[in-house]
Amino acid sequence: MMSRAYLPIRATHEIRTTDHPPIRAGTPGEIIGVSGDIPPSYCVTFWPDGRDGAAVTNNHLTRIDLKEA
């Protein structure tokens, strides 16, 4: 089960998935959900072109993928 968080973060490294364009290191984002698992996984919305651009949401990210903004 995911809980809502909304915490500003940045990607720590390039994140590649088959579903979305790559997210560059340093890209701003926001944690929008946290799993109840141990260790937790995060659902994050990133804005590769800034907040005025398109948003990309990735699931199943870990603390290694993120840092506080």
PDB file of N, CA and C in Angstrom:
ATOM      1  N   MET A   1       0.831  -1.179   0.000  1.00  0.00           N
ATOM      2  CA  MET A   1       0.000   0.000   0.000  1.00  0.00           C
ATOM      3  C   MET A   1       0.874   1.241   0.000  1.00  0.00           C
ATOM      4  N   MET A   2       0.524   2.220  -0.818  1.00  0.00           N
ATOM      5  CA  MET A   2       1.304   3.448  -0.920  1.00  0.00           C
ATOM      6  C   MET A   2       0.675   4.533  -0.054  1.00  0.00           C
ATOM      7  N   SER A   3       1.521   5.326   0.626  1.00  0.00           N
ATOM      8  CA  SER A   3       1.029   6.485   1.355  1.00  0.00           C
ATOM      9  C   SER A   3       1.516   7.738   0.633  1.00  0.00           C
ATOM     10  N   ARG A   4       0.809   8.838   0.782  1.00  0.00           N
ATOM     11  CA  ARG A   4       1.154  10.095   0.113  1.00  0.00           C
ATOM     12  C   ARG A   4       2.216  10.837   0.906  1.00  0.00           C
ATOM     13  N   ALA A   5       3.186  11.462   0.208  1.00  0.00           N
ATOM     14  CA  ALA A   5       4.263  12.143   0.889  1.00  0.00           C
ATOM     15  C   ALA A   5       4.499  13.562   0.335  1.00  0.00           C
ATOM     16  N   TYR A   6       4.736  13.718  -0.957  1.00  0.00           N
ATOM     17  CA  TYR A   6       5.037  14.991  -1.610  1.00  0.00           C
ATOM     18  C   TYR A   6       6.283  15.665  -1.043  1.00  0.00           C
ATOM     19  N   LEU A   7       7.430  15.031  -1.214  1.00  0.00           N
ATOM     20  CA  LEU A   7       8.705  15.569  -0.756  1.00  0.00           C
ATOM     21  C   LEU A   7       9.580  15.909  -1.954  1.00  0.00           C
ATOM     22  N   PRO A   8      10.165  17.123  -2.012  1.00  0.00           N
ATOM     23  CA  PRO A   8      11.026  17.482  -3.133  1.00  0.00           C
ATOM     24  C   PRO A   8      12.350  16.720  -3.080  1.00  0.00           C
ATOM     25  N   ILE A   9      12.766  16.201  -4.232  1.00  0.00           N
ATOM     26  CA  ILE A   9      14.008  15.427  -4.329  1.00  0.00           C
ATOM     27  C   ILE A   9      14.716  15.752  -5.647  1.00  0.00           C
ATOM     28  N   ARG A  10      15.874  15.151  -5.852  1.00  0.00           N
ATOM     29  CA  ARG A  10      16.607  15.175  -7.126  1.00  0.00           C
ATOM     30  C   ARG A  10      17.113  13.760  -7.388  1.00  0.00           C
ATOM     31  N   ALA A  11      17.232  13.413  -8.656  1.00  0.00           N
ATOM     32  CA  ALA A  11      17.787  12.107  -9.027  1.00  0.00           C
ATOM     33  C   ALA A  11      19.287  12.109  -8.742  1.00  0.00           C
ATOM     34  N   THR A  12      19.805  11.047  -8.155  1.00  0.00           N
ATOM     35  CA  THR A  12      21.233  10.977  -7.832  1.00  0.00           C
ATOM     36  C   THR A  12      22.076  10.489  -9.011  1.00  0.00           C
ATOM     37  N   HIS A  13      21.449   9.838  -9.962  1.00  0.00           N
ATOM     38  CA  HIS A  13      22.149   9.302 -11.129  1.00  0.00           C
ATOM     39  C   HIS A  13      21.142   9.208 -12.276  1.00  0.00           C
ATOM     40  N   GLU A  14      21.606   8.888 -13.467  1.00  0.00           N
ATOM     41  CA  GLU A  14      20.678   8.720 -14.588  1.00  0.00           C
ATOM     42  C   GLU A  14      19.804   7.493 -14.338  1.00  0.00           C
ATOM     43  N   ILE A  15      18.495   7.679 -14.495  1.00  0.00           N
ATOM     44  CA  ILE A  15      17.533   6.599 -14.284  1.00  0.00           C
ATOM     45  C   ILE A  15      16.926   6.254 -15.635  1.00  0.00           C
ATOM     46  N   ARG A  16      17.126   5.018 -16.051  1.00  0.00           N
ATOM     47  CA  ARG A  16      16.612   4.556 -17.347  1.00  0.00           C
ATOM     48  C   ARG A  16      15.548   3.485 -17.136  1.00  0.00           C
ATOM     49  N   THR A  17      14.446   3.628 -17.850  1.00  0.00           N
ATOM     50  CA  THR A  17      13.412   2.601 -17.870  1.00  0.00           C
ATOM     51  C   THR A  17      12.989   2.412 -19.317  1.00  0.00           C
ATOM     52  N   THR A  18      12.300   1.332 -19.591  1.00  0.00           N
ATOM     53  CA  THR A  18      11.830   1.093 -20.953  1.00  0.00           C
ATOM     54  C   THR A  18      10.577   1.895 -21.262  1.00  0.00           C
ATOM     55  N   ASP A  19       9.893   2.388 -20.217  1.00  0.00           N
ATOM     56  CA  ASP A  19       8.627   3.099 -20.397  1.00  0.00           C
ATOM     57  C   ASP A  19       8.755   4.597 -20.615  1.00  0.00           C
ATOM     58  N   HIS A  20       9.885   5.201 -20.196  1.00  0.00           N
ATOM     59  CA  HIS A  20      10.026   6.654 -20.200  1.00  0.00           C
ATOM     60  C   HIS A  20      11.397   7.059 -20.732  1.00  0.00           C
ATOM     61  N   PRO A  21      11.530   8.320 -21.141  1.00  0.00           N
ATOM     62  CA  PRO A  21      12.872   8.801 -21.493  1.00  0.00           C
ATOM     63  C   PRO A  21      13.760   8.803 -20.247  1.00  0.00           C
ATOM     64  N   PRO A  22      15.082   8.774 -20.419  1.00  0.00           N
ATOM     65  CA  PRO A  22      15.977   8.754 -19.258  1.00  0.00           C
ATOM     66  C   PRO A  22      15.818  10.021 -18.418  1.00  0.00           C
ATOM     67  N   ILE A  23      15.978   9.862 -17.119  1.00  0.00           N
ATOM     68  CA  ILE A  23      15.970  10.971 -16.168  1.00  0.00           C
ATOM     69  C   ILE A  23      17.431  11.243 -15.829  1.00  0.00           C
ATOM     70  N   ARG A  24      17.919  12.437 -16.132  1.00  0.00           N
ATOM     71  CA  ARG A  24      19.319  12.785 -15.881  1.00  0.00           C
ATOM     72  C   ARG A  24      19.574  13.003 -14.387  1.00  0.00           C
ATOM     73  N   ALA A  25      20.804  12.773 -13.958  1.00  0.00           N
ATOM     74  CA  ALA A  25      21.198  13.060 -12.580  1.00  0.00           C
ATOM     75  C   ALA A  25      20.926  14.527 -12.289  1.00  0.00           C
ATOM     76  N   GLY A  26      20.366  14.817 -11.131  1.00  0.00           N
ATOM     77  CA  GLY A  26      20.065  16.189 -10.745  1.00  0.00           C
ATOM     78  C   GLY A  26      18.688  16.673 -11.153  1.00  0.00           C
ATOM     79  N   THR A  27      17.942  15.856 -11.909  1.00  0.00           N
ATOM     80  CA  THR A  27      16.598  16.249 -12.338  1.00  0.00           C
ATOM     81  C   THR A  27      15.701  16.405 -11.110  1.00  0.00           C
ATOM     82  N   PRO A  28      14.970  17.534 -11.010  1.00  0.00           N
ATOM     83  CA  PRO A  28      14.088  17.722  -9.863  1.00  0.00           C
ATOM     84  C   PRO A  28      12.859  16.836  -9.949  1.00  0.00           C
ATOM     85  N   GLY A  29      12.360  16.467  -8.792  1.00  0.00           N
ATOM     86  CA  GLY A  29      11.161  15.652  -8.724  1.00  0.00           C
ATOM     87  C   GLY A  29      10.515  15.756  -7.365  1.00  0.00           C
ATOM     88  N   GLU A  30       9.511  14.934  -7.171  1.00  0.00           N
ATOM     89  CA  GLU A  30       8.760  14.951  -5.931  1.00  0.00           C
ATOM     90  C   GLU A  30       8.309  13.533  -5.621  1.00  0.00           C
ATOM     91  N   ILE A  31       8.566  13.080  -4.399  1.00  0.00           N
ATOM     92  CA  ILE A  31       8.059  11.782  -3.974  1.00  0.00           C
ATOM     93  C   ILE A  31       6.558  11.933  -3.796  1.00  0.00           C
ATOM     94  N   ILE A  32       5.792  11.096  -4.494  1.00  0.00           N
ATOM     95  CA  ILE A  32       4.336  11.183  -4.375  1.00  0.00           C
ATOM     96  C   ILE A  32       3.745   9.965  -3.676  1.00  0.00           C
ATOM     97  N   GLY A  33       4.580   8.964  -3.404  1.00  0.00           N
ATOM     98  CA  GLY A  33       4.102   7.790  -2.693  1.00  0.00           C
ATOM     99  C   GLY A  33       5.249   6.971  -2.147  1.00  0.00           C
ATOM    100  N   VAL A  34       5.009   6.303  -1.031  1.00  0.00           N
ATOM    101  CA  VAL A  34       6.006   5.446  -0.386  1.00  0.00           C
ATOM    102  C   VAL A  34       5.328   4.122  -0.056  1.00  0.00           C
ATOM    103  N   SER A  35       5.983   3.025  -0.417  1.00  0.00           N
ATOM    104  CA  SER A  35       5.413   1.711  -0.092  1.00  0.00           C
ATOM    105  C   SER A  35       5.612   1.424   1.388  1.00  0.00           C
ATOM    106  N   GLY A  36       4.862   0.502   1.906  1.00  0.00           N
ATOM    107  CA  GLY A  36       5.011   0.071   3.292  1.00  0.00           C
ATOM    108  C   GLY A  36       6.007  -1.061   3.438  1.00  0.00           C
ATOM    109  N   ASP A  37       6.673  -1.408   2.336  1.00  0.00           N
ATOM    110  CA  ASP A  37       7.634  -2.514   2.359  1.00  0.00           C
ATOM    111  C   ASP A  37       8.893  -2.121   3.132  1.00  0.00           C
ATOM    112  N   ILE A  38       9.677  -3.139   3.503  1.00  0.00           N
ATOM    113  CA  ILE A  38      10.993  -2.907   4.100  1.00  0.00           C
ATOM    114  C   ILE A  38      12.008  -3.589   3.214  1.00  0.00           C
ATOM    115  N   PRO A  39      12.942  -2.890   2.581  1.00  0.00           N
ATOM    116  CA  PRO A  39      13.050  -1.431   2.569  1.00  0.00           C
ATOM    117  C   PRO A  39      11.953  -0.812   1.698  1.00  0.00           C
ATOM    118  N   PRO A  40      11.619   0.463   1.943  1.00  0.00           N
ATOM    119  CA  PRO A  40      10.550   1.094   1.168  1.00  0.00           C
ATOM    120  C   PRO A  40      10.976   1.362  -0.269  1.00  0.00           C
ATOM    121  N   SER A  41       9.992   1.435  -1.140  1.00  0.00           N
ATOM    122  CA  SER A  41      10.233   1.916  -2.504  1.00  0.00           C
ATOM    123  C   SER A  41       9.396   3.173  -2.687  1.00  0.00           C
ATOM    124  N   TYR A  42       9.806   3.997  -3.647  1.00  0.00           N
ATOM    125  CA  TYR A  42       9.199   5.309  -3.819  1.00  0.00           C
ATOM    126  C   TYR A  42       8.601   5.455  -5.208  1.00  0.00           C
ATOM    127  N   CYS A  43       7.479   6.157  -5.279  1.00  0.00           N
ATOM    128  CA  CYS A  43       6.884   6.577  -6.538  1.00  0.00           C
ATOM    129  C   CYS A  43       7.206   8.061  -6.666  1.00  0.00           C
ATOM    130  N   VAL A  44       7.867   8.439  -7.768  1.00  0.00           N
ATOM    131  CA  VAL A  44       8.379   9.799  -7.915  1.00  0.00           C
ATOM    132  C   VAL A  44       7.949  10.390  -9.250  1.00  0.00           C
ATOM    133  N   THR A  45       7.512  11.640  -9.222  1.00  0.00           N
ATOM    134  CA  THR A  45       7.265  12.397 -10.447  1.00  0.00           C
ATOM    135  C   THR A  45       8.461  13.309 -10.672  1.00  0.00           C
ATOM    136  N   PHE A  46       9.073  13.207 -11.855  1.00  0.00           N
ATOM    137  CA  PHE A  46      10.206  14.053 -12.251  1.00  0.00           C
ATOM    138  C   PHE A  46       9.753  15.041 -13.316  1.00  0.00           C
ATOM    139  N   TRP A  47      10.437  16.185 -13.390  1.00  0.00           N
ATOM    140  CA  TRP A  47      10.214  17.185 -14.435  1.00  0.00           C
ATOM    141  C   TRP A  47      11.526  17.395 -15.187  1.00  0.00           C
ATOM    142  N   PRO A  48      11.792  16.567 -16.225  1.00  0.00           N
ATOM    143  CA  PRO A  48      13.063  16.649 -16.953  1.00  0.00           C
ATOM    144  C   PRO A  48      13.320  18.012 -17.588  1.00  0.00           C
ATOM    145  N   ASP A  49      12.258  18.735 -17.950  1.00  0.00           N
ATOM    146  CA  ASP A  49      12.413  20.046 -18.590  1.00  0.00           C
ATOM    147  C   ASP A  49      11.930  21.170 -17.684  1.00  0.00           C
ATOM    148  N   GLY A  50      11.953  20.950 -16.364  1.00  0.00           N
ATOM    149  CA  GLY A  50      11.471  21.943 -15.414  1.00  0.00           C
ATOM    150  C   GLY A  50       9.984  21.751 -15.138  1.00  0.00           C
ATOM    151  N   ARG A  51       9.495  22.438 -14.137  1.00  0.00           N
ATOM    152  CA  ARG A  51       8.099  22.265 -13.714  1.00  0.00           C
ATOM    153  C   ARG A  51       7.085  22.664 -14.779  1.00  0.00           C
ATOM    154  N   ASP A  52       7.477  23.487 -15.726  1.00  0.00           N
ATOM    155  CA  ASP A  52       6.551  23.884 -16.789  1.00  0.00           C
ATOM    156  C   ASP A  52       6.476  22.849 -17.908  1.00  0.00           C
ATOM    157  N   GLY A  53       7.382  21.864 -17.891  1.00  0.00           N
ATOM    158  CA  GLY A  53       7.413  20.832 -18.927  1.00  0.00           C
ATOM    159  C   GLY A  53       6.609  19.605 -18.525  1.00  0.00           C
ATOM    160  N   ALA A  54       6.746  18.577 -19.321  1.00  0.00           N
ATOM    161  CA  ALA A  54       6.039  17.319 -19.072  1.00  0.00           C
ATOM    162  C   ALA A  54       6.575  16.632 -17.824  1.00  0.00           C
ATOM    163  N   ALA A  55       5.707  15.915 -17.137  1.00  0.00           N
ATOM    164  CA  ALA A  55       6.093  15.155 -15.951  1.00  0.00           C
ATOM    165  C   ALA A  55       6.253  13.684 -16.311  1.00  0.00           C
ATOM    166  N   VAL A  56       7.208  13.024 -15.669  1.00  0.00           N
ATOM    167  CA  VAL A  56       7.446  11.591 -15.846  1.00  0.00           C
ATOM    168  C   VAL A  56       7.372  10.953 -14.461  1.00  0.00           C
ATOM    169  N   THR A  57       6.529   9.942 -14.305  1.00  0.00           N
ATOM    170  CA  THR A  57       6.381   9.264 -13.012  1.00  0.00           C
ATOM    171  C   THR A  57       7.006   7.879 -13.082  1.00  0.00           C
ATOM    172  N   ASN A  58       7.906   7.613 -12.140  1.00  0.00           N
ATOM    173  CA  ASN A  58       8.578   6.313 -12.041  1.00  0.00           C
ATOM    174  C   ASN A  58       8.231   5.668 -10.714  1.00  0.00           C
ATOM    175  N   ASN A  59       8.034   4.359 -10.736  1.00  0.00           N
ATOM    176  CA  ASN A  59       7.740   3.582  -9.533  1.00  0.00           C
ATOM    177  C   ASN A  59       8.940   2.736  -9.155  1.00  0.00           C
ATOM    178  N   HIS A  60       8.908   2.214  -7.949  1.00  0.00           N
ATOM    179  CA  HIS A  60       9.890   1.238  -7.452  1.00  0.00           C
ATOM    180  C   HIS A  60      11.309   1.801  -7.399  1.00  0.00           C
ATOM    181  N   LEU A  61      11.459   3.083  -7.077  1.00  0.00           N
ATOM    182  CA  LEU A  61      12.784   3.664  -6.876  1.00  0.00           C
ATOM    183  C   LEU A  61      13.184   3.478  -5.419  1.00  0.00           C
ATOM    184  N   THR A  62      14.496   3.514  -5.148  1.00  0.00           N
ATOM    185  CA  THR A  62      15.001   3.330  -3.789  1.00  0.00           C
ATOM    186  C   THR A  62      15.729   4.587  -3.328  1.00  0.00           C
ATOM    187  N   ARG A  63      16.162   4.584  -2.069  1.00  0.00           N
ATOM    188  CA  ARG A  63      16.901   5.735  -1.524  1.00  0.00           C
ATOM    189  C   ARG A  63      18.173   6.007  -2.309  1.00  0.00           C
ATOM    190  N   ILE A  64      18.760   4.991  -2.910  1.00  0.00           N
ATOM    191  CA  ILE A  64      19.982   5.168  -3.703  1.00  0.00           C
ATOM    192  C   ILE A  64      19.709   6.048  -4.919  1.00  0.00           C
ATOM    193  N   ASP A  65      18.484   6.035  -5.437  1.00  0.00           N
ATOM    194  CA  ASP A  65      18.131   6.790  -6.637  1.00  0.00           C
ATOM    195  C   ASP A  65      17.833   8.267  -6.357  1.00  0.00           C
ATOM    196  N   LEU A  66      17.633   8.637  -5.082  1.00  0.00           N
ATOM    197  CA  LEU A  66      17.098   9.955  -4.745  1.00  0.00           C
ATOM    198  C   LEU A  66      17.920  10.663  -3.680  1.00  0.00           C
ATOM    199  N   LYS A  67      17.891  12.015  -3.699  1.00  0.00           N
ATOM    200  CA  LYS A  67      18.445  12.803  -2.596  1.00  0.00           C
ATOM    201  C   LYS A  67      17.518  13.988  -2.368  1.00  0.00           C
ATOM    202  N   GLU A  68      17.528  14.521  -1.162  1.00  0.00           N
ATOM    203  CA  GLU A  68      16.676  15.659  -0.849  1.00  0.00           C
ATOM    204  C   GLU A  68      17.082  16.862  -1.679  1.00  0.00           C
ATOM    205  N   ALA A  69      16.086  17.631  -2.091  1.00  0.00           N
ATOM    206  CA  ALA A  69      16.347  18.832  -2.903  1.00  0.00           C
ATOM    207  C   ALA A  69      16.562  20.027  -2.010  1.00  0.00           C
TER     208      ALA A  69
END
